[in-house]
Amino acid sequence: MSNDPNQLDFFATPVFPVREPIPHIDLDRYRSKIKRAMSRAIRECPHSRQVIVARMAQYLGLETISRASLDAYTAESNSSHDVSLIRFTAFVHATGALWLWDEVASIQGVTVLIGDEARLAELARLQQERRRIEAEIRRQRMRPVDIKRVR
């Protein structure tokens, strides 16, 4: 039995969610979301906070980054200290939490693909294109071909 593509499966969860951009950013809510995500990345990281800031500093070519800065980046109560994009990049590198890019970009309606996920998406796009071309070939074959030769 083949499944109808228009029929929803209540048990399937999309691997790559389709998102809509948010028309207006609630700054406090977005800030809290990012700080919570960064805190989660630290908890899931096998390295200590001290190692994370050392790795960030090394990645950025700086002598040091203070642990207090890292704590401020992740403290929801500290709304005056947001992480810059450059330091966020170093943080993702230091923790290995590439999924953070998806968290940050989701507000724009974007889904971030990492590594072979992009190749998988390209494969799906090519298969879709193949189906479109095959449908066009079938449509063309249905029309009779009338060849007129002039002698």
Protein backbone atom coordinates (compact mmCIF):
# COMPACT_ATOMS: atom_id res chain seq x y z
CA MET A 1 0.00 0.00 0.00
CA SER A 2 1.49 3.35 -0.97
CA ASN A 3 1.06 6.36 1.24
CA ASP A 4 -0.64 9.46 -0.07
CA PRO A 5 1.88 12.34 0.18
CA ASN A 6 -0.98 14.62 1.29
CA GLN A 7 -1.85 12.36 4.22
CA LEU A 8 -0.18 13.34 7.47
CA ASP A 9 1.51 10.82 9.71
CA PHE A 10 0.85 11.59 13.37
CA PHE A 11 3.95 9.71 14.46
CA ALA A 12 6.48 11.10 12.02
CA THR A 13 8.46 14.13 13.08
CA PRO A 14 10.22 16.13 10.39
CA VAL A 15 13.98 15.89 10.45
CA PHE A 16 14.27 19.23 8.68
CA PRO A 17 11.45 21.48 9.85
CA VAL A 18 9.87 23.92 7.45
CA ARG A 19 9.71 27.28 9.17
CA GLU A 20 8.22 30.68 8.57
CA PRO A 21 10.17 33.83 9.39
CA ILE A 22 8.96 35.69 12.43
CA PRO A 23 7.72 39.15 11.37
CA HIS A 24 8.80 40.86 14.58
CA ILE A 25 11.46 39.78 17.06
CA ASP A 26 10.53 39.77 20.72
CA LEU A 27 14.04 40.73 21.81
CA ASP A 28 13.77 39.51 25.40
CA ARG A 29 12.34 36.13 24.38
CA TYR A 30 14.93 35.65 21.59
CA ARG A 31 17.78 36.67 23.90
CA SER A 32 16.58 34.15 26.52
CA LYS A 33 16.27 31.42 23.88
CA ILE A 34 19.86 31.93 22.71
CA LYS A 35 21.24 32.12 26.25
CA ARG A 36 19.39 28.91 27.21
CA ALA A 37 20.68 27.18 24.07
CA MET A 38 24.25 28.26 24.86
CA SER A 39 23.84 27.01 28.45
CA ARG A 40 22.65 23.68 27.09
CA ALA A 41 25.68 23.53 24.79
CA ILE A 42 27.95 24.02 27.80
CA ARG A 43 26.16 21.28 29.77
CA GLU A 44 26.42 18.86 26.83
CA CYS A 45 30.03 19.75 26.08
CA PRO A 46 32.66 17.35 27.44
CA HIS A 47 34.91 20.31 28.28
CA SER A 48 34.81 22.55 31.33
CA ARG A 49 33.95 26.25 31.06
CA GLN A 50 37.64 27.06 31.50
CA VAL A 51 38.56 24.85 28.55
CA ILE A 52 35.73 26.33 26.47
CA VAL A 53 36.96 29.91 26.97
CA ALA A 54 40.54 28.81 26.28
CA ARG A 55 39.43 27.16 23.03
CA MET A 56 37.42 30.26 22.09
CA ALA A 57 40.45 32.49 22.69
CA GLN A 58 42.70 30.21 20.67
CA TYR A 59 40.19 30.12 17.79
CA LEU A 60 39.98 33.92 17.75
CA GLY A 61 43.71 34.41 18.17
CA LEU A 62 43.27 36.19 21.49
CA GLU A 63 45.32 35.73 24.63
CA THR A 64 42.31 35.08 26.81
CA ILE A 65 38.58 35.33 27.14
CA SER A 66 37.32 35.53 30.68
CA ARG A 67 35.05 32.95 32.17
CA ALA A 68 32.97 35.87 33.47
CA SER A 69 32.25 36.85 29.84
CA LEU A 70 31.09 33.33 29.10
CA ASP A 71 28.88 33.39 32.18
CA ALA A 72 27.42 36.76 31.09
CA TYR A 73 26.69 35.39 27.59
CA THR A 74 24.61 32.59 29.11
CA ALA A 75 22.96 34.40 32.06
CA GLU A 76 19.32 35.08 31.21
CA SER A 77 19.23 37.69 33.95
CA ASN A 78 21.96 39.70 32.21
CA SER A 79 20.14 41.39 29.33
CA SER A 80 22.90 43.95 28.78
CA HIS A 81 25.56 41.45 27.70
CA ASP A 82 24.84 39.72 24.38
CA VAL A 83 27.41 37.61 22.60
CA SER A 84 28.78 39.05 19.35
CA LEU A 85 28.57 37.00 16.17
CA ILE A 86 32.33 36.53 16.13
CA ARG A 87 32.42 35.25 19.71
CA PHE A 88 29.35 33.11 19.06
CA THR A 89 31.23 31.50 16.17
CA ALA A 90 34.13 30.78 18.51
CA PHE A 91 31.72 29.41 21.12
CA VAL A 92 30.18 27.00 18.61
CA HIS A 93 33.67 25.90 17.60
CA ALA A 94 34.78 25.46 21.22
CA THR A 95 31.73 23.45 22.28
CA GLY A 96 31.22 21.56 19.02
CA ALA A 97 27.51 22.45 19.23
CA LEU A 98 26.85 23.07 15.53
CA TRP A 99 23.13 22.77 16.20
CA LEU A 100 23.33 26.27 17.72
CA TRP A 101 23.42 27.73 14.20
CA ASP A 102 19.98 26.26 13.59
CA GLU A 103 18.71 27.74 16.86
CA VAL A 104 19.94 31.20 15.93
CA ALA A 105 18.71 31.09 12.32
CA SER A 106 15.30 29.57 12.98
CA ILE A 107 13.78 32.98 13.73
CA GLN A 108 14.40 33.93 10.09
CA GLY A 109 12.55 30.86 8.83
CA VAL A 110 15.84 29.13 8.04
CA THR A 111 16.80 25.52 8.69
CA VAL A 112 20.55 24.93 8.87
CA LEU A 113 21.88 21.77 7.25
CA ILE A 114 25.16 20.42 8.56
CA GLY A 115 27.62 18.24 6.66
CA ASP A 116 26.00 15.47 4.65
CA GLU A 117 22.53 16.84 5.40
CA ALA A 118 23.17 19.36 2.61
CA ARG A 119 24.12 16.54 0.23
CA LEU A 120 20.97 14.67 1.22
CA ALA A 121 18.87 17.79 0.48
CA GLU A 122 20.60 18.18 -2.90
CA LEU A 123 19.88 14.54 -3.70
CA ALA A 124 16.20 15.07 -2.89
CA ARG A 125 16.17 18.19 -5.11
CA LEU A 126 17.71 16.23 -7.99
CA GLN A 127 15.16 13.42 -7.57
CA GLN A 128 12.37 15.98 -7.67
CA GLU A 129 13.86 17.49 -10.83
CA ARG A 130 14.11 13.99 -12.36
CA ARG A 131 10.40 13.39 -11.66
CA ARG A 132 9.55 16.71 -13.30
CA ILE A 133 11.62 15.84 -16.39
CA GLU A 134 10.14 12.32 -16.60
CA ALA A 135 6.63 13.78 -16.39
CA GLU A 136 7.49 16.17 -19.24
CA ILE A 137 8.86 13.25 -21.31
CA ARG A 138 5.61 11.30 -20.72
CA ARG A 139 3.57 14.35 -21.70
CA GLN A 140 5.60 14.78 -24.90
CA ARG A 141 5.27 11.06 -25.77
CA MET A 142 1.47 11.32 -25.55
CA ARG A 143 1.39 13.79 -28.44
CA PRO A 144 1.67 12.17 -31.86
CA VAL A 145 4.76 13.02 -33.86
CA ASP A 146 4.01 14.06 -37.38
CA ILE A 147 7.17 14.16 -39.48
CA LYS A 148 6.77 15.80 -42.84
CA ARG A 149 9.55 15.37 -45.28
CA VAL A 150 9.79 17.52 -48.33
CA ARG A 151 11.35 15.88 -51.38
